[in-house]
PDB file of N, CA and C in Angstrom:
ATOM      1  N   UNK A   1      82.220  85.728 101.971  1.00  0.00           N
ATOM      2  CA  UNK A   1      82.854  86.913 101.399  1.00  0.00           C
ATOM      3  C   UNK A   1      84.059  87.307 102.248  1.00  0.00           C
ATOM      4  N   UNK A   2      85.169  87.573 101.590  1.00  0.00           N
ATOM      5  CA  UNK A   2      86.392  87.978 102.279  1.00  0.00           C
ATOM      6  C   UNK A   2      86.800  89.359 101.777  1.00  0.00           C
ATOM      7  N   UNK A   3      87.075  90.252 102.677  1.00  0.00           N
ATOM      8  CA  UNK A   3      87.584  91.566 102.303  1.00  0.00           C
ATOM      9  C   UNK A   3      89.076  91.629 102.622  1.00  0.00           C
ATOM     10  N   UNK A   4      89.839  92.108 101.656  1.00  0.00           N
ATOM     11  CA  UNK A   4      91.284  92.231 101.798  1.00  0.00           C
ATOM     12  C   UNK A   4      91.654  93.701 101.727  1.00  0.00           C
ATOM     13  N   UNK A   5      92.493  94.141 102.632  1.00  0.00           N
ATOM     14  CA  UNK A   5      92.905  95.538 102.667  1.00  0.00           C
ATOM     15  C   UNK A   5      94.428  95.601 102.681  1.00  0.00           C
ATOM     16  N   UNK A   6      94.986  96.232 101.644  1.00  0.00           N
ATOM     17  CA  UNK A   6      96.434  96.414 101.568  1.00  0.00           C
ATOM     18  C   UNK A   6      96.834  97.740 102.209  1.00  0.00           C
ATOM     19  N   UNK A   7      98.044  97.783 102.705  1.00  0.00           N
ATOM     20  CA  UNK A   7      98.604  99.017 103.245  1.00  0.00           C
ATOM     21  C   UNK A   7     100.114  98.941 103.175  1.00  0.00           C
ATOM     22  N   UNK A   8     100.757 100.090 103.376  1.00  0.00           N
ATOM     23  CA  UNK A   8     102.209 100.116 103.436  1.00  0.00           C
ATOM     24  C   UNK A   8     102.907 100.677 102.214  1.00  0.00           C
ATOM     25  N   UNK A   9     102.144 101.020 101.192  1.00  0.00           N
ATOM     26  CA  UNK A   9     102.772 101.583 100.008  1.00  0.00           C
ATOM     27  C   UNK A   9     103.260 103.000 100.252  1.00  0.00           C
ATOM     28  N   UNK A  10     103.962 103.545  99.273  1.00  0.00           N
ATOM     29  CA  UNK A  10     104.448 104.909  99.406  1.00  0.00           C
ATOM     30  C   UNK A  10     105.430 105.270  98.325  1.00  0.00           C
ATOM     31  N   UNK A  11     105.989 106.471  98.460  1.00  0.00           N
ATOM     32  CA  UNK A  11     106.999 106.973  97.543  1.00  0.00           C
ATOM     33  C   UNK A  11     108.361 106.828  98.218  1.00  0.00           C
ATOM     34  N   UNK A  12     109.251 106.059  97.585  1.00  0.00           N
ATOM     35  CA  UNK A  12     110.556 105.809  98.174  1.00  0.00           C
ATOM     36  C   UNK A  12     111.637 105.967  97.112  1.00  0.00           C
ATOM     37  N   UNK A  13     112.875 106.023  97.559  1.00  0.00           N
ATOM     38  CA  UNK A  13     113.991 106.118  96.633  1.00  0.00           C
ATOM     39  C   UNK A  13     114.563 104.739  96.320  1.00  0.00           C
ATOM     40  N   UNK A  14     115.312 104.682  95.264  1.00  0.00           N
ATOM     41  CA  UNK A  14     115.944 103.425  94.858  1.00  0.00           C
ATOM     42  C   UNK A  14     116.783 102.852  95.995  1.00  0.00           C
ATOM     43  N   UNK A  15     116.642 101.539  96.192  1.00  0.00           N
ATOM     44  CA  UNK A  15     117.468 100.843  97.146  1.00  0.00           C
ATOM     45  C   UNK A  15     116.888 100.680  98.536  1.00  0.00           C
ATOM     46  N   UNK A  16     115.826 101.388  98.839  1.00  0.00           N
ATOM     47  CA  UNK A  16     115.258 101.275 100.181  1.00  0.00           C
ATOM     48  C   UNK A  16     114.271 100.116 100.233  1.00  0.00           C
ATOM     49  N   UNK A  17     113.696  99.920 101.415  1.00  0.00           N
ATOM     50  CA  UNK A  17     112.774  98.815 101.640  1.00  0.00           C
ATOM     51  C   UNK A  17     111.391  99.316 102.018  1.00  0.00           C
ATOM     52  N   UNK A  18     110.404  98.503 101.712  1.00  0.00           N
ATOM     53  CA  UNK A  18     109.034  98.723 102.142  1.00  0.00           C
ATOM     54  C   UNK A  18     108.443  97.384 102.543  1.00  0.00           C
ATOM     55  N   UNK A  19     107.496  97.420 103.468  1.00  0.00           N
ATOM     56  CA  UNK A  19     106.749  96.208 103.792  1.00  0.00           C
ATOM     57  C   UNK A  19     105.271  96.485 103.583  1.00  0.00           C
ATOM     58  N   UNK A  20     104.688  95.729 102.672  1.00  0.00           N
ATOM     59  CA  UNK A  20     103.258  95.814 102.426  1.00  0.00           C
ATOM     60  C   UNK A  20     102.526  94.817 103.308  1.00  0.00           C
ATOM     61  N   UNK A  21     101.326  95.189 103.716  1.00  0.00           N
ATOM     62  CA  UNK A  21     100.487  94.310 104.518  1.00  0.00           C
ATOM     63  C   UNK A  21      99.172  94.069 103.811  1.00  0.00           C
ATOM     64  N   UNK A  22      98.643  92.879 103.985  1.00  0.00           N
ATOM     65  CA  UNK A  22      97.332  92.511 103.447  1.00  0.00           C
ATOM     66  C   UNK A  22      96.571  91.875 104.594  1.00  0.00           C
ATOM     67  N   UNK A  23      95.544  92.563 105.067  1.00  0.00           N
ATOM     68  CA  UNK A  23      94.769  92.075 106.201  1.00  0.00           C
ATOM     69  C   UNK A  23      93.394  91.638 105.717  1.00  0.00           C
ATOM     70  N   UNK A  24      92.982  90.458 106.172  1.00  0.00           N
ATOM     71  CA  UNK A  24      91.714  89.891 105.741  1.00  0.00           C
ATOM     72  C   UNK A  24      90.666  89.997 106.831  1.00  0.00           C
ATOM     73  N   UNK A  25      89.410  90.077 106.389  1.00  0.00           N
ATOM     74  CA  UNK A  25      88.301  90.220 107.331  1.00  0.00           C
ATOM     75  C   UNK A  25      87.819  88.879 107.857  1.00  0.00           C
ATOM     76  N   UNK A  26      88.186  87.800 107.167  1.00  0.00           N
ATOM     77  CA  UNK A  26      87.634  86.500 107.506  1.00  0.00           C
ATOM     78  C   UNK A  26      88.528  85.740 108.464  1.00  0.00           C
ATOM     79  N   UNK A  27      87.902  85.038 109.409  1.00  0.00           N
ATOM     80  CA  UNK A  27      88.662  84.199 110.324  1.00  0.00           C
ATOM     81  C   UNK A  27      89.183  82.948 109.630  1.00  0.00           C
ATOM     82  N   UNK A  28      88.615  82.651 108.431  1.00  0.00           N
ATOM     83  CA  UNK A  28      89.076  81.489 107.682  1.00  0.00           C
ATOM     84  C   UNK A  28      90.228  81.849 106.755  1.00  0.00           C
ATOM     85  N   UNK A  29      90.804  83.011 107.005  1.00  0.00           N
ATOM     86  CA  UNK A  29      91.912  83.493 106.191  1.00  0.00           C
ATOM     87  C   UNK A  29      92.995  82.445 106.035  1.00  0.00           C
ATOM     88  N   UNK A  30      93.263  81.706 107.097  1.00  0.00           N
ATOM     89  CA  UNK A  30      94.341  80.729 107.063  1.00  0.00           C
ATOM     90  C   UNK A  30      94.040  79.570 106.117  1.00  0.00           C
ATOM     91  N   UNK A  31      92.787  79.436 105.695  1.00  0.00           N
ATOM     92  CA  UNK A  31      92.424  78.367 104.763  1.00  0.00           C
ATOM     93  C   UNK A  31      92.660  78.747 103.311  1.00  0.00           C
ATOM     94  N   UNK A  32      92.985  80.003 103.054  1.00  0.00           N
ATOM     95  CA  UNK A  32      93.172  80.458 101.691  1.00  0.00           C
ATOM     96  C   UNK A  32      94.650  80.569 101.352  1.00  0.00           C
ATOM     97  N   UNK A  33      94.937  80.557 100.068  1.00  0.00           N
ATOM     98  CA  UNK A  33      96.294  80.820  99.604  1.00  0.00           C
ATOM     99  C   UNK A  33      96.347  82.256  99.102  1.00  0.00           C
ATOM    100  N   UNK A  34      97.271  83.026  99.627  1.00  0.00           N
ATOM    101  CA  UNK A  34      97.344  84.454  99.323  1.00  0.00           C
ATOM    102  C   UNK A  34      98.486  84.734  98.366  1.00  0.00           C
ATOM    103  N   UNK A  35      98.211  85.610  97.439  1.00  0.00           N
ATOM    104  CA  UNK A  35      99.238  86.034  96.496  1.00  0.00           C
ATOM    105  C   UNK A  35      99.292  87.541  96.376  1.00  0.00           C
ATOM    106  N   UNK A  36     100.421  88.024  95.882  1.00  0.00           N
ATOM    107  CA  UNK A  36     100.599  89.441  95.587  1.00  0.00           C
ATOM    108  C   UNK A  36     100.791  89.614  94.089  1.00  0.00           C
ATOM    109  N   UNK A  37     100.127  90.612  93.539  1.00  0.00           N
ATOM    110  CA  UNK A  37     100.268  90.987  92.148  1.00  0.00           C
ATOM    111  C   UNK A  37     100.553  92.482  92.075  1.00  0.00           C
ATOM    112  N   UNK A  38     100.997  92.938  90.931  1.00  0.00           N
ATOM    113  CA  UNK A  38     101.201  94.373  90.744  1.00  0.00           C
ATOM    114  C   UNK A  38     100.839  94.759  89.328  1.00  0.00           C
ATOM    115  N   UNK A  39     100.474  96.025  89.168  1.00  0.00           N
ATOM    116  CA  UNK A  39     100.113  96.518  87.851  1.00  0.00           C
ATOM    117  C   UNK A  39     100.668  97.918  87.670  1.00  0.00           C
ATOM    118  N   UNK A  40     101.527  98.057  86.693  1.00  0.00           N
ATOM    119  CA  UNK A  40     102.092  99.350  86.348  1.00  0.00           C
ATOM    120  C   UNK A  40     101.230 100.003  85.270  1.00  0.00           C
ATOM    121  N   UNK A  41     101.287 101.319  85.146  1.00  0.00           N
ATOM    122  CA  UNK A  41     100.473 102.009  84.132  1.00  0.00           C
ATOM    123  C   UNK A  41     100.726 101.464  82.734  1.00  0.00           C
ATOM    124  N   UNK A  42      99.643 101.132  82.042  1.00  0.00           N
ATOM    125  CA  UNK A  42      99.759 100.648  80.677  1.00  0.00           C
ATOM    126  C   UNK A  42     100.191  99.209  80.539  1.00  0.00           C
ATOM    127  N   UNK A  43     100.335  98.509  81.667  1.00  0.00           N
ATOM    128  CA  UNK A  43     100.771  97.110  81.628  1.00  0.00           C
ATOM    129  C   UNK A  43      99.726  96.203  82.242  1.00  0.00           C
ATOM    130  N   UNK A  44      99.840  94.912  81.928  1.00  0.00           N
ATOM    131  CA  UNK A  44      98.934  93.940  82.502  1.00  0.00           C
ATOM    132  C   UNK A  44      99.324  93.649  83.953  1.00  0.00           C
ATOM    133  N   UNK A  45      98.349  93.125  84.687  1.00  0.00           N
ATOM    134  CA  UNK A  45      98.627  92.739  86.061  1.00  0.00           C
ATOM    135  C   UNK A  45      99.644  91.600  86.071  1.00  0.00           C
ATOM    136  N   UNK A  46     100.635  91.724  86.931  1.00  0.00           N
ATOM    137  CA  UNK A  46     101.757  90.796  86.958  1.00  0.00           C
ATOM    138  C   UNK A  46     101.839  90.089  88.303  1.00  0.00           C
ATOM    139  N   UNK A  47     102.101  88.792  88.252  1.00  0.00           N
ATOM    140  CA  UNK A  47     102.317  88.018  89.468  1.00  0.00           C
ATOM    141  C   UNK A  47     103.614  88.445  90.125  1.00  0.00           C
ATOM    142  N   UNK A  48     103.594  88.549  91.458  1.00  0.00           N
ATOM    143  CA  UNK A  48     104.796  88.906  92.210  1.00  0.00           C
ATOM    144  C   UNK A  48     105.226  87.763  93.130  1.00  0.00           C
ATOM    145  N   UNK A  49     104.326  87.336  93.992  1.00  0.00           N
ATOM    146  CA  UNK A  49     104.687  86.300  94.976  1.00  0.00           C
ATOM    147  C   UNK A  49     103.415  85.669  95.511  1.00  0.00           C
ATOM    148  N   UNK A  50     103.525  84.443  95.998  1.00  0.00           N
ATOM    149  CA  UNK A  50     102.348  83.786  96.549  1.00  0.00           C
ATOM    150  C   UNK A  50     102.740  82.590  97.401  1.00  0.00           C
ATOM    151  N   UNK A  51     101.841  82.256  98.303  1.00  0.00           N
ATOM    152  CA  UNK A  51     101.917  80.982  98.990  1.00  0.00           C
ATOM    153  C   UNK A  51     101.223  79.953  98.118  1.00  0.00           C
ATOM    154  N   UNK A  52     101.773  78.754  98.059  1.00  0.00           N
ATOM    155  CA  UNK A  52     101.068  77.662  97.419  1.00  0.00           C
ATOM    156  C   UNK A  52      99.967  77.187  98.360  1.00  0.00           C
ATOM    157  N   UNK A  53      99.128  76.281  97.868  1.00  0.00           N
ATOM    158  CA  UNK A  53      98.017  75.830  98.697  1.00  0.00           C
ATOM    159  C   UNK A  53      98.542  75.212  99.986  1.00  0.00           C
ATOM    160  N   UNK A  54      97.872  75.498 101.098  1.00  0.00           N
ATOM    161  CA  UNK A  54      98.269  75.068 102.442  1.00  0.00           C
ATOM    162  C   UNK A  54      99.591  75.695 102.885  1.00  0.00           C
ATOM    163  N   UNK A  55     100.009  76.739 102.150  1.00  0.00           N
ATOM    164  CA  UNK A  55     101.244  77.459 102.488  1.00  0.00           C
ATOM    165  C   UNK A  55     102.440  76.527 102.602  1.00  0.00           C
ATOM    166  N   UNK A  56     102.412  75.468 101.808  1.00  0.00           N
ATOM    167  CA  UNK A  56     103.506  74.512 101.855  1.00  0.00           C
ATOM    168  C   UNK A  56     104.811  75.112 101.358  1.00  0.00           C
ATOM    169  N   UNK A  57     104.682  76.056 100.456  1.00  0.00           N
ATOM    170  CA  UNK A  57     105.863  76.715  99.923  1.00  0.00           C
ATOM    171  C   UNK A  57     105.465  78.059  99.356  1.00  0.00           C
ATOM    172  N   UNK A  58     106.443  78.754  98.818  1.00  0.00           N
ATOM    173  CA  UNK A  58     106.196  80.056  98.219  1.00  0.00           C
ATOM    174  C   UNK A  58     106.727  80.082  96.793  1.00  0.00           C
ATOM    175  N   UNK A  59     106.242  81.036  96.029  1.00  0.00           N
ATOM    176  CA  UNK A  59     106.673  81.194  94.653  1.00  0.00           C
ATOM    177  C   UNK A  59     106.845  82.685  94.368  1.00  0.00           C
ATOM    178  N   UNK A  60     107.820  83.010  93.535  1.00  0.00           N
ATOM    179  CA  UNK A  60     108.115  84.405  93.217  1.00  0.00           C
ATOM    180  C   UNK A  60     108.378  84.548  91.721  1.00  0.00           C
ATOM    181  N   UNK A  61     108.049  85.701  91.198  1.00  0.00           N
ATOM    182  CA  UNK A  61     108.465  86.017  89.839  1.00  0.00           C
ATOM    183  C   UNK A  61     109.978  86.235  89.854  1.00  0.00           C
ATOM    184  N   UNK A  62     110.637  85.887  88.778  1.00  0.00           N
ATOM    185  CA  UNK A  62     112.101  85.932  88.750  1.00  0.00           C
ATOM    186  C   UNK A  62     112.665  87.315  89.097  1.00  0.00           C
ATOM    187  N   UNK A  63     111.968  88.354  88.689  1.00  0.00           N
ATOM    188  CA  UNK A  63     112.498  89.708  88.861  1.00  0.00           C
ATOM    189  C   UNK A  63     112.575  90.158  90.314  1.00  0.00           C
ATOM    190  N   UNK A  64     111.904  89.435  91.219  1.00  0.00           N
ATOM    191  CA  UNK A  64     111.931  89.843  92.635  1.00  0.00           C
ATOM    192  C   UNK A  64     112.609  88.809  93.530  1.00  0.00           C
ATOM    193  N   UNK A  65     112.998  87.693  92.982  1.00  0.00           N
ATOM    194  CA  UNK A  65     113.649  86.652  93.786  1.00  0.00           C
ATOM    195  C   UNK A  65     114.919  87.200  94.432  1.00  0.00           C
ATOM    196  N   UNK A  66     115.044  86.921  95.721  1.00  0.00           N
ATOM    197  CA  UNK A  66     116.192  87.429  96.464  1.00  0.00           C
ATOM    198  C   UNK A  66     115.989  88.816  97.036  1.00  0.00           C
ATOM    199  N   UNK A  67     114.945  89.519  96.594  1.00  0.00           N
ATOM    200  CA  UNK A  67     114.669  90.874  97.103  1.00  0.00           C
ATOM    201  C   UNK A  67     113.361  90.946  97.880  1.00  0.00           C
ATOM    202  N   UNK A  68     112.357  90.197  97.449  1.00  0.00           N
ATOM    203  CA  UNK A  68     111.041  90.230  98.084  1.00  0.00           C
ATOM    204  C   UNK A  68     110.817  88.942  98.867  1.00  0.00           C
ATOM    205  N   UNK A  69     110.075  89.055  99.967  1.00  0.00           N
ATOM    206  CA  UNK A  69     109.723  87.886 100.762  1.00  0.00           C
ATOM    207  C   UNK A  69     108.265  87.980 101.184  1.00  0.00           C
ATOM    208  N   UNK A  70     107.520  86.911 100.937  1.00  0.00           N
ATOM    209  CA  UNK A  70     106.144  86.843 101.385  1.00  0.00           C
ATOM    210  C   UNK A  70     106.101  86.060 102.697  1.00  0.00           C
ATOM    211  N   UNK A  71     105.328  86.554 103.650  1.00  0.00           N
ATOM    212  CA  UNK A  71     105.199  85.887 104.937  1.00  0.00           C
ATOM    213  C   UNK A  71     103.797  86.138 105.471  1.00  0.00           C
ATOM    214  N   UNK A  72     103.456  85.481 106.566  1.00  0.00           N
ATOM    215  CA  UNK A  72     102.119  85.689 107.102  1.00  0.00           C
ATOM    216  C   UNK A  72     102.119  85.555 108.615  1.00  0.00           C
ATOM    217  N   UNK A  73     101.133  86.207 109.223  1.00  0.00           N
ATOM    218  CA  UNK A  73     100.871  86.119 110.651  1.00  0.00           C
ATOM    219  C   UNK A  73      99.415  85.691 110.792  1.00  0.00           C
ATOM    220  N   UNK A  74      99.201  84.404 111.049  1.00  0.00           N
ATOM    221  CA  UNK A  74      97.843  83.880 111.093  1.00  0.00           C
ATOM    222  C   UNK A  74      97.033  84.554 112.197  1.00  0.00           C
ATOM    223  N   UNK A  75      97.639  84.804 113.330  1.00  0.00           N
ATOM    224  CA  UNK A  75      96.919  85.414 114.451  1.00  0.00           C
ATOM    225  C   UNK A  75      96.387  86.792 114.104  1.00  0.00           C
ATOM    226  N   UNK A  76      97.062  87.473 113.184  1.00  0.00           N
ATOM    227  CA  UNK A  76      96.646  88.816 112.773  1.00  0.00           C
ATOM    228  C   UNK A  76      95.896  88.815 111.455  1.00  0.00           C
ATOM    229  N   UNK A  77      95.643  87.631 110.893  1.00  0.00           N
ATOM    230  CA  UNK A  77      94.960  87.546 109.593  1.00  0.00           C
ATOM    231  C   UNK A  77      95.671  88.408 108.549  1.00  0.00           C
ATOM    232  N   UNK A  78      96.978  88.399 108.565  1.00  0.00           N
ATOM    233  CA  UNK A  78      97.739  89.318 107.718  1.00  0.00           C
ATOM    234  C   UNK A  78      98.847  88.579 106.970  1.00  0.00           C
ATOM    235  N   UNK A  79      98.994  88.951 105.721  1.00  0.00           N
ATOM    236  CA  UNK A  79     100.110  88.487 104.892  1.00  0.00           C
ATOM    237  C   UNK A  79     100.951  89.703 104.537  1.00  0.00           C
ATOM    238  N   UNK A  80     102.250  89.530 104.561  1.00  0.00           N
ATOM    239  CA  UNK A  80     103.175  90.631 104.295  1.00  0.00           C
ATOM    240  C   UNK A  80     103.960  90.393 103.008  1.00  0.00           C
ATOM    241  N   UNK A  81     104.398  91.479 102.428  1.00  0.00           N
ATOM    242  CA  UNK A  81     105.356  91.420 101.329  1.00  0.00           C
ATOM    243  C   UNK A  81     106.489  92.364 101.679  1.00  0.00           C
ATOM    244  N   UNK A  82     107.594  91.788 102.104  1.00  0.00           N
ATOM    245  CA  UNK A  82     108.788  92.571 102.407  1.00  0.00           C
ATOM    246  C   UNK A  82     109.540  92.807 101.118  1.00  0.00           C
ATOM    247  N   UNK A  83     109.747  94.064 100.785  1.00  0.00           N
ATOM    248  CA  UNK A  83     110.391  94.425  99.527  1.00  0.00           C
ATOM    249  C   UNK A  83     111.683  95.177  99.826  1.00  0.00           C
ATOM    250  N   UNK A  84     112.800  94.581  99.460  1.00  0.00           N
ATOM    251  CA  UNK A  84     114.112  95.179  99.687  1.00  0.00           C
ATOM    252  C   UNK A  84     114.755  95.570  98.368  1.00  0.00           C
ATOM    253  N   UNK A  85     115.724  96.452  98.456  1.00  0.00           N
ATOM    254  CA  UNK A  85     116.475  96.877  97.266  1.00  0.00           C
ATOM    255  C   UNK A  85     115.544  97.269  96.130  1.00  0.00           C
ATOM    256  N   UNK A  86     114.617  98.132  96.429  1.00  0.00           N
ATOM    257  CA  UNK A  86     113.607  98.505  95.444  1.00  0.00           C
ATOM    258  C   UNK A  86     114.219  99.218  94.244  1.00  0.00           C
ATOM    259  N   UNK A  87     113.625  98.963  93.097  1.00  0.00           N
ATOM    260  CA  UNK A  87     114.065  99.525  91.830  1.00  0.00           C
ATOM    261  C   UNK A  87     112.932 100.314  91.189  1.00  0.00           C
ATOM    262  N   UNK A  88     113.244 101.232  90.269  1.00  0.00           N
ATOM    263  CA  UNK A  88     112.168 101.955  89.579  1.00  0.00           C
ATOM    264  C   UNK A  88     111.171 101.016  88.887  1.00  0.00           C
ATOM    265  N   UNK A  89     111.645  99.875  88.381  1.00  0.00           N
ATOM    266  CA  UNK A  89     110.750  98.918  87.716  1.00  0.00           C
ATOM    267  C   UNK A  89     109.757  98.279  88.674  1.00  0.00           C
ATOM    268  N   UNK A  90     109.941  98.447  89.975  1.00  0.00           N
ATOM    269  CA  UNK A  90     108.988  97.925  90.943  1.00  0.00           C
ATOM    270  C   UNK A  90     107.801  98.860  91.142  1.00  0.00           C
ATOM    271  N   UNK A  91     107.842 100.024  90.531  1.00  0.00           N
ATOM    272  CA  UNK A  91     106.745 100.984  90.644  1.00  0.00           C
ATOM    273  C   UNK A  91     105.470 100.408  90.046  1.00  0.00           C
ATOM    274  N   UNK A  92     104.416 100.365  90.860  1.00  0.00           N
ATOM    275  CA  UNK A  92     103.143  99.784  90.427  1.00  0.00           C
ATOM    276  C   UNK A  92     102.141  99.900  91.572  1.00  0.00           C
ATOM    277  N   UNK A  93     100.904  99.594  91.251  1.00  0.00           N
ATOM    278  CA  UNK A  93      99.903  99.356  92.291  1.00  0.00           C
ATOM    279  C   UNK A  93      99.993  97.880  92.662  1.00  0.00           C
ATOM    280  N   UNK A  94     100.135  97.620  93.942  1.00  0.00           N
ATOM    281  CA  UNK A  94     100.271  96.253  94.438  1.00  0.00           C
ATOM    282  C   UNK A  94      98.944  95.782  95.035  1.00  0.00           C
ATOM    283  N   UNK A  95      98.542  94.587  94.627  1.00  0.00           N
ATOM    284  CA  UNK A  95      97.293  93.998  95.077  1.00  0.00           C
ATOM    285  C   UNK A  95      97.572  92.663  95.770  1.00  0.00           C
ATOM    286  N   UNK A  96      96.835  92.386  96.825  1.00  0.00           N
ATOM    287  CA  UNK A  96      96.836  91.029  97.351  1.00  0.00           C
ATOM    288  C   UNK A  96      95.518  90.370  96.941  1.00  0.00           C
ATOM    289  N   UNK A  97      95.566  89.058  96.852  1.00  0.00           N
ATOM    290  CA  UNK A  97      94.412  88.307  96.400  1.00  0.00           C
ATOM    291  C   UNK A  97      94.391  86.946  97.088  1.00  0.00           C
ATOM    292  N   UNK A  98      93.197  86.377  97.166  1.00  0.00           N
ATOM    293  CA  UNK A  98      93.030  85.104  97.861  1.00  0.00           C
ATOM    294  C   UNK A  98      92.467  84.038  96.931  1.00  0.00           C
ATOM    295  N   UNK A  99      93.127  82.887  96.944  1.00  0.00           N
ATOM    296  CA  UNK A  99      92.626  81.714  96.251  1.00  0.00           C
ATOM    297  C   UNK A  99      91.849  80.884  97.259  1.00  0.00           C
ATOM    298  N   UNK A 100      90.671  80.433  96.876  1.00  0.00           N
ATOM    299  CA  UNK A 100      89.833  79.690  97.818  1.00  0.00           C
ATOM    300  C   UNK A 100      89.754  78.213  97.492  1.00  0.00           C
ATOM    301  N   UNK A 101      90.334  77.814  96.376  1.00  0.00           N
ATOM    302  CA  UNK A 101      90.352  76.392  96.000  1.00  0.00           C
ATOM    303  C   UNK A 101      91.748  76.022  95.492  1.00  0.00           C
ATOM    304  N   UNK A 102      92.147  74.799  95.746  1.00  0.00           N
ATOM    305  CA  UNK A 102      93.495  74.356  95.342  1.00  0.00           C
ATOM    306  C   UNK A 102      93.551  73.937  93.880  1.00  0.00           C
ATOM    307  N   UNK A 103      93.165  74.836  92.992  1.00  0.00           N
ATOM    308  CA  UNK A 103      93.198  74.541  91.564  1.00  0.00           C
ATOM    309  C   UNK A 103      93.974  75.622  90.839  1.00  0.00           C
ATOM    310  N   UNK A 104      94.580  75.251  89.731  1.00  0.00           N
ATOM    311  CA  UNK A 104      95.266  76.233  88.914  1.00  0.00           C
ATOM    312  C   UNK A 104      96.634  76.593  89.449  1.00  0.00           C
ATOM    313  N   UNK A 105      97.276  77.484  88.732  1.00  0.00           N
ATOM    314  CA  UNK A 105      98.613  77.908  89.095  1.00  0.00           C
ATOM    315  C   UNK A 105      98.576  79.198  89.907  1.00  0.00           C
ATOM    316  N   UNK A 106      99.489  79.337  90.847  1.00  0.00           N
ATOM    317  CA  UNK A 106      99.468  80.497  91.742  1.00  0.00           C
ATOM    318  C   UNK A 106      99.745  81.801  91.015  1.00  0.00           C
ATOM    319  N   UNK A 107     100.319  81.745  89.828  1.00  0.00           N
ATOM    320  CA  UNK A 107     100.744  82.963  89.151  1.00  0.00           C
ATOM    321  C   UNK A 107      99.690  83.590  88.249  1.00  0.00           C
ATOM    322  N   UNK A 108      98.543  82.944  88.108  1.00  0.00           N
ATOM    323  CA  UNK A 108      97.509  83.474  87.216  1.00  0.00           C
ATOM    324  C   UNK A 108      96.383  84.131  88.006  1.00  0.00           C
ATOM    325  N   UNK A 109      96.089  85.397  87.710  1.00  0.00           N
ATOM    326  CA  UNK A 109      95.037  86.114  88.440  1.00  0.00           C
ATOM    327  C   UNK A 109      93.669  85.429  88.379  1.00  0.00           C
ATOM    328  N   UNK A 110      93.405  84.687  87.317  1.00  0.00           N
ATOM    329  CA  UNK A 110      92.085  84.095  87.131  1.00  0.00           C
ATOM    330  C   UNK A 110      91.725  83.093  88.222  1.00  0.00           C
ATOM    331  N   UNK A 111      92.717  82.572  88.933  1.00  0.00           N
ATOM    332  CA  UNK A 111      92.445  81.583  89.977  1.00  0.00           C
ATOM    333  C   UNK A 111      92.246  82.195  91.355  1.00  0.00           C
ATOM    334  N   UNK A 112      92.244  83.517  91.418  1.00  0.00           N
ATOM    335  CA  UNK A 112      92.038  84.217  92.683  1.00  0.00           C
ATOM    336  C   UNK A 112      90.626  84.785  92.723  1.00  0.00           C
ATOM    337  N   UNK A 113      89.962  84.584  93.844  1.00  0.00           N
ATOM    338  CA  UNK A 113      88.566  84.976  93.965  1.00  0.00           C
ATOM    339  C   UNK A 113      88.398  86.358  94.574  1.00  0.00           C
ATOM    340  N   UNK A 114      89.172  86.655  95.593  1.00  0.00           N
ATOM    341  CA  UNK A 114      89.019  87.924  96.307  1.00  0.00           C
ATOM    342  C   UNK A 114      90.257  88.788  96.103  1.00  0.00           C
ATOM    343  N   UNK A 115      90.016  90.094  95.941  1.00  0.00           N
ATOM    344  CA  UNK A 115      91.096  91.048  95.685  1.00  0.00           C
ATOM    345  C   UNK A 115      90.947  92.262  96.598  1.00  0.00           C
ATOM    346  N   UNK A 116      92.090  92.804  96.976  1.00  0.00           N
ATOM    347  CA  UNK A 116      92.085  94.065  97.694  1.00  0.00           C
ATOM    348  C   UNK A 116      92.001  95.238  96.725  1.00  0.00           C
ATOM    349  N   UNK A 117      91.990  96.446  97.285  1.00  0.00           N
ATOM    350  CA  UNK A 117      91.831  97.645  96.462  1.00  0.00           C
ATOM    351  C   UNK A 117      93.163  98.152  95.911  1.00  0.00           C
ATOM    352  N   UNK A 118      94.256  97.649  96.427  1.00  0.00           N
ATOM    353  CA  UNK A 118      95.576  98.014  95.930  1.00  0.00           C
ATOM    354  C   UNK A 118      96.228  99.113  96.736  1.00  0.00           C
ATOM    355  N   UNK A 119      97.553  99.113  96.719  1.00  0.00           N
ATOM    356  CA  UNK A 119      98.325 100.173  97.364  1.00  0.00           C
ATOM    357  C   UNK A 119      99.454 100.579  96.421  1.00  0.00           C
ATOM    358  N   UNK A 120      99.658 101.880  96.264  1.00  0.00           N
ATOM    359  CA  UNK A 120     100.630 102.382  95.302  1.00  0.00           C
ATOM    360  C   UNK A 120     102.039 102.348  95.876  1.00  0.00           C
ATOM    361  N   UNK A 121     102.959 101.809  95.078  1.00  0.00           N
ATOM    362  CA  UNK A 121     104.386 101.844  95.399  1.00  0.00           C
ATOM    363  C   UNK A 121     105.087 102.580  94.263  1.00  0.00           C
ATOM    364  N   UNK A 122     105.776 103.641  94.611  1.00  0.00           N
ATOM    365  CA  UNK A 122     106.516 104.415  93.622  1.00  0.00           C
ATOM    366  C   UNK A 122     107.974 104.500  94.054  1.00  0.00           C
ATOM    367  N   UNK A 123     108.856 104.039  93.178  1.00  0.00           N
ATOM    368  CA  UNK A 123     110.281 104.033  93.461  1.00  0.00           C
ATOM    369  C   UNK A 123     110.938 105.082  92.573  1.00  0.00           C
ATOM    370  N   UNK A 124     111.496 106.072  93.204  1.00  0.00           N
ATOM    371  CA  UNK A 124     112.086 107.188  92.475  1.00  0.00           C
ATOM    372  C   UNK A 124     113.592 107.041  92.378  1.00  0.00           C
ATOM    373  N   UNK A 125     114.107 107.349  91.193  1.00  0.00           N
ATOM    374  CA  UNK A 125     115.559 107.307  91.008  1.00  0.00           C
ATOM    375  C   UNK A 125     116.167 108.702  91.169  1.00  0.00           C
TER     376      UNK A 125
END
């Protein structure tokens, strides 16, 4: 069992930056592929960014490419989502999730086994 805890959300204005953190309870954290998703009110959960299996590369939804960066600190069991140039459309609850097997596509929630509780990001214009 892996517990994931997100932090770093908040209420910010358009154009500023935030860094979200996802800290895992398991020492085997480095064996999993971590992704970030978000869900706005009335909308389905949306893929944002993820490491591919073995962290060989990263993937992003088109709407955040060039603005968001996913990174990790293995020693701290933490994955980050650096979000720059925030827009009102980025307003959502952000979740991190862990894939435990190298199957499926990184962008589909169904392939993730463990999920955090989410952190709210609100971008005000």
